[in-house]
Amino acid sequence: MHIDPERFRVAEGAAVNLKKWPTRIAPVYSSDAQYQRILHDHVAALSAQQARLYASASHALLLIFQAMDAAGKDGAIAHVMSGVNPQGCQVFSFKHPSATELQHDFLWRTTRDLPERGRIGIFNRSYYEEVLIVRVHPEILRNEGVPDSRIGSKDVWRRRYESIVDLERHLHRNGTRIVKFFLHLSKDEQRRRFIERIDQPEKNWKFSRADVEERRYWRQYMHAYEKCLEATSMSIAPWYVVPADDKRNARLIVSSVILDTIRALKPEFPRVSPERRRELKALRRTLAR
């Protein structure tokens, strides 16, 4: 079945109303067996493309995953990237900032972990938390050392969007391609998954009281995501709103977008010069003796 990534892409400058973006769509697979086959094909193709990307060392790929709790970020990353050589892939999860990190600007801690050319970097949450959870809980700004005159200012978020856009444009100019995924989960499906985490002992560790507390701010989070997507989705660094109520669907959509992105770079293994080829042939003759 064909997956059209453009169906999920947020157009640059477009207004975003998440109520109009589905959290569930018709499956892009017809059976369990077909899902496994499509995922296997995507993973194999991604592994082959990643090998070329690593060898060419001309571009880097940064994948950003944002979502409400229980949307399936960890699972999507684990399944989609399962065939990629760990040598060419780096995953970073960003939790609460440390005391040292709070002494720097809000982009500092993630900038340290940007991927090198030839590598795929994955941010499980990212600097976008600074215009999402911090927007929902603006009191966090006080802990970040932001001057009191800025706290509560209507343009603080606009300025942060501008900083993010400037960073992503800079990275693009220097060879890093950025793809951003918002796994769009419904509130009802989140509740179902939370209950599952309580009912299944092996999943208890994934659940905390804070998860329930944050559900009270669902409307505020959706507003924060809408404004973020509107302000920061660019042709060179697009956001994709991925329906996440069906985890399998979400994984196939994500893997399809990543594949299309790497293929567009047309990575190739470095060409060997005639001189180098002659040298290799000579070495082969030496080894064959």
Protein backbone atom coordinates (compact mmCIF):
# COMPACT_ATOMS: atom_id res chain seq x y z
CA MET A 1 0.00 0.00 0.00
CA HIS A 2 1.29 3.46 -0.88
CA ILE A 3 1.95 5.93 1.92
CA ASP A 4 1.90 9.59 0.89
CA PRO A 5 3.97 11.55 3.45
CA GLU A 6 2.65 14.85 2.13
CA ARG A 7 -0.71 13.92 3.59
CA PHE A 8 0.73 14.43 7.08
CA ARG A 9 3.03 17.37 6.43
CA VAL A 10 2.27 20.80 7.92
CA ALA A 11 2.62 23.39 5.17
CA GLU A 12 4.89 26.32 5.91
CA GLY A 13 2.88 29.25 7.25
CA ALA A 14 -0.36 27.26 7.47
CA ALA A 15 -2.77 27.67 10.38
CA VAL A 16 -3.08 24.51 12.46
CA ASN A 17 -6.22 23.27 14.18
CA LEU A 18 -5.40 19.87 15.68
CA LYS A 19 -9.09 19.01 15.99
CA LYS A 20 -9.08 18.78 12.19
CA TRP A 21 -6.06 16.48 12.09
CA PRO A 22 -7.05 12.83 12.69
CA THR A 23 -5.54 10.74 15.45
CA ARG A 24 -6.63 7.57 13.62
CA ILE A 25 -6.89 6.78 9.91
CA ALA A 26 -7.64 3.66 7.88
CA PRO A 27 -4.74 1.23 8.26
CA VAL A 28 -2.05 1.41 5.59
CA TYR A 29 -1.68 -2.35 6.02
CA SER A 30 -4.33 -5.04 5.49
CA SER A 31 -3.12 -7.68 7.94
CA ASP A 32 -0.60 -8.40 10.66
CA ALA A 33 1.54 -10.24 8.13
CA GLN A 34 1.49 -7.32 5.71
CA TYR A 35 2.39 -4.88 8.48
CA GLN A 36 5.41 -6.99 9.40
CA ARG A 37 6.41 -7.27 5.73
CA ILE A 38 6.14 -3.53 5.06
CA LEU A 39 8.03 -2.65 8.24
CA HIS A 40 10.74 -5.19 7.40
CA ASP A 41 11.10 -3.72 3.91
CA HIS A 42 11.29 -0.18 5.30
CA VAL A 43 13.87 -1.15 7.92
CA ALA A 44 16.01 -2.96 5.35
CA ALA A 45 15.86 -0.03 2.93
CA LEU A 46 16.63 2.42 5.72
CA SER A 47 19.64 0.36 6.78
CA ALA A 48 21.00 0.40 3.22
CA GLN A 49 20.45 4.14 2.85
CA GLN A 50 22.02 4.83 6.24
CA ALA A 51 25.15 2.92 5.21
CA ARG A 52 25.50 5.21 2.18
CA LEU A 53 24.82 8.30 4.31
CA TYR A 54 27.52 7.24 6.77
CA ALA A 55 30.06 6.49 4.04
CA SER A 56 29.45 9.72 2.14
CA ALA A 57 29.64 11.86 5.33
CA SER A 58 28.20 14.86 3.48
CA HIS A 59 24.91 15.27 5.33
CA ALA A 60 23.48 14.59 8.76
CA LEU A 61 19.85 13.75 9.54
CA LEU A 62 18.12 14.99 12.69
CA LEU A 63 14.81 13.34 13.61
CA ILE A 64 12.75 15.03 16.31
CA PHE A 65 9.89 13.26 18.09
CA GLN A 66 7.37 15.17 20.18
CA ALA A 67 4.09 13.94 21.64
CA MET A 68 1.89 13.69 24.66
CA ASP A 69 2.73 10.90 27.10
CA ALA A 70 2.00 7.34 25.87
CA ALA A 71 1.84 8.37 22.21
CA GLY A 72 4.43 5.74 21.24
CA LYS A 73 7.64 7.72 20.66
CA ASP A 74 9.90 5.05 22.17
CA GLY A 75 8.21 2.26 20.23
CA ALA A 76 8.36 4.12 16.94
CA ILE A 77 12.06 4.84 17.39
CA ALA A 78 12.83 1.26 18.45
CA HIS A 79 10.92 -0.42 15.61
CA VAL A 80 11.80 1.93 12.78
CA MET A 81 15.50 2.20 13.60
CA SER A 82 15.94 -1.46 14.57
CA GLY A 83 18.03 -2.28 11.49
CA VAL A 84 20.27 0.78 11.51
CA ASN A 85 23.92 0.31 12.42
CA PRO A 86 24.35 1.81 15.93
CA GLN A 87 27.66 3.27 14.73
CA GLY A 88 25.73 5.63 12.48
CA CYS A 89 22.79 6.45 14.73
CA GLN A 90 22.52 8.35 18.02
CA VAL A 91 19.44 8.62 20.25
CA PHE A 92 19.07 11.28 22.94
CA SER A 93 16.18 11.65 25.38
CA PHE A 94 15.79 15.02 27.05
CA LYS A 95 14.17 15.09 30.47
CA HIS A 96 14.20 17.86 33.06
CA PRO A 97 17.24 20.13 32.55
CA SER A 98 20.07 19.91 35.05
CA ALA A 99 21.30 22.81 37.18
CA THR A 100 24.18 23.33 34.75
CA GLU A 101 21.88 23.30 31.74
CA LEU A 102 19.62 25.90 33.36
CA GLN A 103 22.57 28.30 33.45
CA HIS A 104 22.66 28.38 29.63
CA ASP A 105 20.27 29.47 26.90
CA PHE A 106 17.44 27.06 26.15
CA LEU A 107 19.07 25.67 22.98
CA TRP A 108 22.43 24.89 24.58
CA ARG A 109 21.88 21.39 25.96
CA THR A 110 20.44 19.96 22.74
CA THR A 111 22.96 21.69 20.47
CA ARG A 112 25.73 19.67 22.13
CA ASP A 113 24.10 16.46 20.86
CA LEU A 114 23.48 17.36 17.22
CA PRO A 115 24.50 14.58 14.80
CA GLU A 116 27.76 14.64 12.91
CA ARG A 117 27.74 14.46 9.12
CA GLY A 118 27.06 10.91 8.05
CA ARG A 119 25.00 10.14 11.13
CA ILE A 120 21.34 10.05 12.06
CA GLY A 121 20.52 11.86 15.29
CA ILE A 122 17.25 11.20 17.09
CA PHE A 123 15.85 13.54 19.72
CA ASN A 124 13.19 11.92 21.89
CA ARG A 125 11.74 15.24 23.01
CA SER A 126 13.93 18.23 22.23
CA TYR A 127 14.36 21.98 22.43
CA TYR A 128 10.69 22.15 21.45
CA GLU A 129 9.85 21.35 25.06
CA GLU A 130 10.80 24.98 25.70
CA VAL A 131 7.76 26.20 23.75
CA LEU A 132 5.45 23.36 24.80
CA ILE A 133 5.64 22.33 28.46
CA VAL A 134 7.19 25.67 29.37
CA ARG A 135 4.34 27.49 27.63
CA VAL A 136 1.80 25.40 29.54
CA HIS A 137 3.75 25.94 32.79
CA PRO A 138 5.36 29.39 32.36
CA GLU A 139 6.55 29.33 35.97
CA ILE A 140 9.37 27.10 34.68
CA LEU A 141 10.89 30.23 33.11
CA ARG A 142 11.86 31.45 36.58
CA ASN A 143 14.05 28.38 37.06
CA GLU A 144 15.70 29.08 33.72
CA GLY A 145 16.98 32.44 34.87
CA VAL A 146 14.92 34.36 32.34
CA PRO A 147 14.74 38.02 33.44
CA ASP A 148 11.53 38.79 35.32
CA SER A 149 10.60 41.39 32.72
CA ARG A 150 10.35 38.62 30.11
CA ILE A 151 8.20 36.21 32.13
CA GLY A 152 4.59 36.49 31.05
CA SER A 153 5.49 38.63 28.05
CA LYS A 154 3.41 37.80 25.00
CA ASP A 155 6.42 37.90 22.71
CA VAL A 156 8.59 35.48 24.70
CA TRP A 157 7.22 32.57 22.64
CA ARG A 158 7.59 34.45 19.36
CA ARG A 159 11.23 35.11 20.20
CA ARG A 160 11.81 31.48 21.05
CA TYR A 161 10.21 30.39 17.78
CA GLU A 162 12.53 32.78 15.97
CA SER A 163 15.56 31.31 17.76
CA ILE A 164 14.48 27.78 16.81
CA VAL A 165 13.83 28.70 13.18
CA ASP A 166 17.17 30.49 12.96
CA LEU A 167 18.95 27.42 14.36
CA GLU A 168 17.24 25.03 11.97
CA ARG A 169 17.98 27.25 8.97
CA HIS A 170 21.62 27.41 10.04
CA LEU A 171 21.79 23.62 10.37
CA HIS A 172 20.19 23.13 6.96
CA ARG A 173 22.71 25.46 5.34
CA ASN A 174 25.48 23.37 6.84
CA GLY A 175 24.25 19.98 5.73
CA THR A 176 21.88 18.80 8.46
CA ARG A 177 18.42 17.79 7.30
CA ILE A 178 15.71 18.03 9.94
CA VAL A 179 12.43 16.12 10.10
CA LYS A 180 10.01 16.63 12.98
CA PHE A 181 7.25 14.26 14.04
CA PHE A 182 4.30 15.10 16.26
CA LEU A 183 2.63 11.81 17.19
CA HIS A 184 -0.99 12.93 17.42
CA LEU A 185 -2.73 10.90 20.12
CA SER A 186 -6.34 11.25 21.24
CA LYS A 187 -7.12 11.85 24.90
CA ASP A 188 -9.29 8.70 24.99
CA GLU A 189 -6.50 6.53 23.59
CA GLN A 190 -4.06 8.00 26.09
CA ARG A 191 -6.41 7.04 28.93
CA ARG A 192 -6.66 3.49 27.56
CA ARG A 193 -2.88 3.18 27.42
CA PHE A 194 -2.47 4.60 30.93
CA ILE A 195 -4.92 2.03 32.29
CA GLU A 196 -3.01 -0.68 30.47
CA ARG A 197 0.19 0.50 32.15
CA ILE A 198 -1.50 0.17 35.54
CA ASP A 199 -3.07 -3.23 34.82
CA GLN A 200 0.10 -4.82 33.44
CA PRO A 201 2.81 -5.09 36.15
CA GLU A 202 5.65 -5.10 33.63
CA LYS A 203 4.47 -1.65 32.48
CA ASN A 204 3.98 -0.09 35.93
CA TRP A 205 7.36 1.62 35.73
CA LYS A 206 6.14 3.68 32.77
CA PHE A 207 3.38 5.34 34.77
CA SER A 208 3.41 8.07 37.42
CA ARG A 209 0.97 10.39 39.15
CA ALA A 210 2.41 13.26 37.12
CA ASP A 211 1.03 11.63 33.96
CA VAL A 212 -2.49 11.99 35.31
CA GLU A 213 -1.83 15.54 36.49
CA GLU A 214 -0.69 16.65 33.04
CA ARG A 215 -3.90 15.35 31.45
CA ARG A 216 -5.68 18.25 33.14
CA TYR A 217 -3.79 20.57 30.82
CA TRP A 218 -4.71 18.76 27.61
CA ARG A 219 -6.42 21.77 26.02
CA GLN A 220 -3.46 24.03 26.87
CA TYR A 221 -1.02 21.50 25.40
CA MET A 222 -2.99 21.25 22.17
CA HIS A 223 -2.95 25.05 21.91
CA ALA A 224 0.82 25.10 22.52
CA TYR A 225 1.37 22.44 19.85
CA GLU A 226 -0.80 24.31 17.34
CA LYS A 227 1.14 27.54 17.78
CA CYS A 228 4.46 25.68 17.65
CA LEU A 229 3.60 23.81 14.45
CA GLU A 230 2.37 27.00 12.80
CA ALA A 231 5.49 28.96 13.68
CA THR A 232 8.21 26.37 13.02
CA SER A 233 7.15 24.06 10.18
CA MET A 234 9.31 24.98 7.19
CA SER A 235 9.93 23.47 3.79
CA ILE A 236 13.51 22.78 4.89
CA ALA A 237 12.50 21.47 8.34
CA PRO A 238 8.91 20.23 8.18
CA TRP A 239 6.59 18.98 10.87
CA TYR A 240 4.57 15.82 10.23
CA VAL A 241 1.41 15.26 12.25
CA VAL A 242 1.25 11.47 12.49
CA PRO A 243 -2.01 9.80 13.61
CA ALA A 244 -0.85 7.84 16.65
CA ASP A 245 -3.90 5.97 17.97
CA ASP A 246 -2.76 3.01 15.83
CA LYS A 247 0.89 2.41 16.74
CA ARG A 248 1.56 0.22 13.72
CA ASN A 249 0.19 2.79 11.31
CA ALA A 250 2.30 5.47 12.98
CA ARG A 251 5.48 3.41 12.62
CA LEU A 252 4.92 2.79 8.92
CA ILE A 253 4.20 6.47 8.27
CA VAL A 254 7.30 7.57 10.20
CA SER A 255 9.56 5.07 8.43
CA SER A 256 8.18 6.13 5.04
CA VAL A 257 8.90 9.81 5.74
CA ILE A 258 12.45 9.05 6.90
CA LEU A 259 13.14 6.91 3.83
CA ASP A 260 11.90 9.59 1.47
CA THR A 261 14.07 12.17 3.22
CA ILE A 262 17.29 10.16 2.97
CA ARG A 263 16.63 9.06 -0.61
CA ALA A 264 16.19 12.70 -1.61
CA LEU A 265 19.80 13.29 -0.50
CA LYS A 266 20.96 10.59 -2.93
CA PRO A 267 23.81 9.40 -0.70
CA GLU A 268 26.41 7.27 -2.45
CA PHE A 269 29.51 5.37 -1.43
CA PRO A 270 32.65 7.41 -2.20
CA ARG A 271 34.02 6.84 -5.69
CA VAL A 272 37.46 5.30 -5.94
CA SER A 273 39.98 7.06 -8.18
CA PRO A 274 41.84 5.08 -10.88
CA GLU A 275 45.04 5.45 -8.85
CA ARG A 276 43.37 4.08 -5.74
CA ARG A 277 41.88 1.21 -7.76
CA ARG A 278 45.33 0.24 -9.05
CA GLU A 279 46.67 0.38 -5.50
CA LEU A 280 43.88 -1.89 -4.26
CA LYS A 281 44.52 -4.39 -7.04
CA ALA A 282 48.20 -4.47 -6.13
CA LEU A 283 47.36 -5.06 -2.49
CA ARG A 284 44.98 -7.85 -3.47
CA ARG A 285 47.74 -9.58 -5.43
CA THR A 286 49.98 -9.33 -2.37
CA LEU A 287 47.31 -10.85 -0.14
CA ALA A 288 46.61 -13.65 -2.63
CA ARG A 289 50.20 -14.96 -2.58
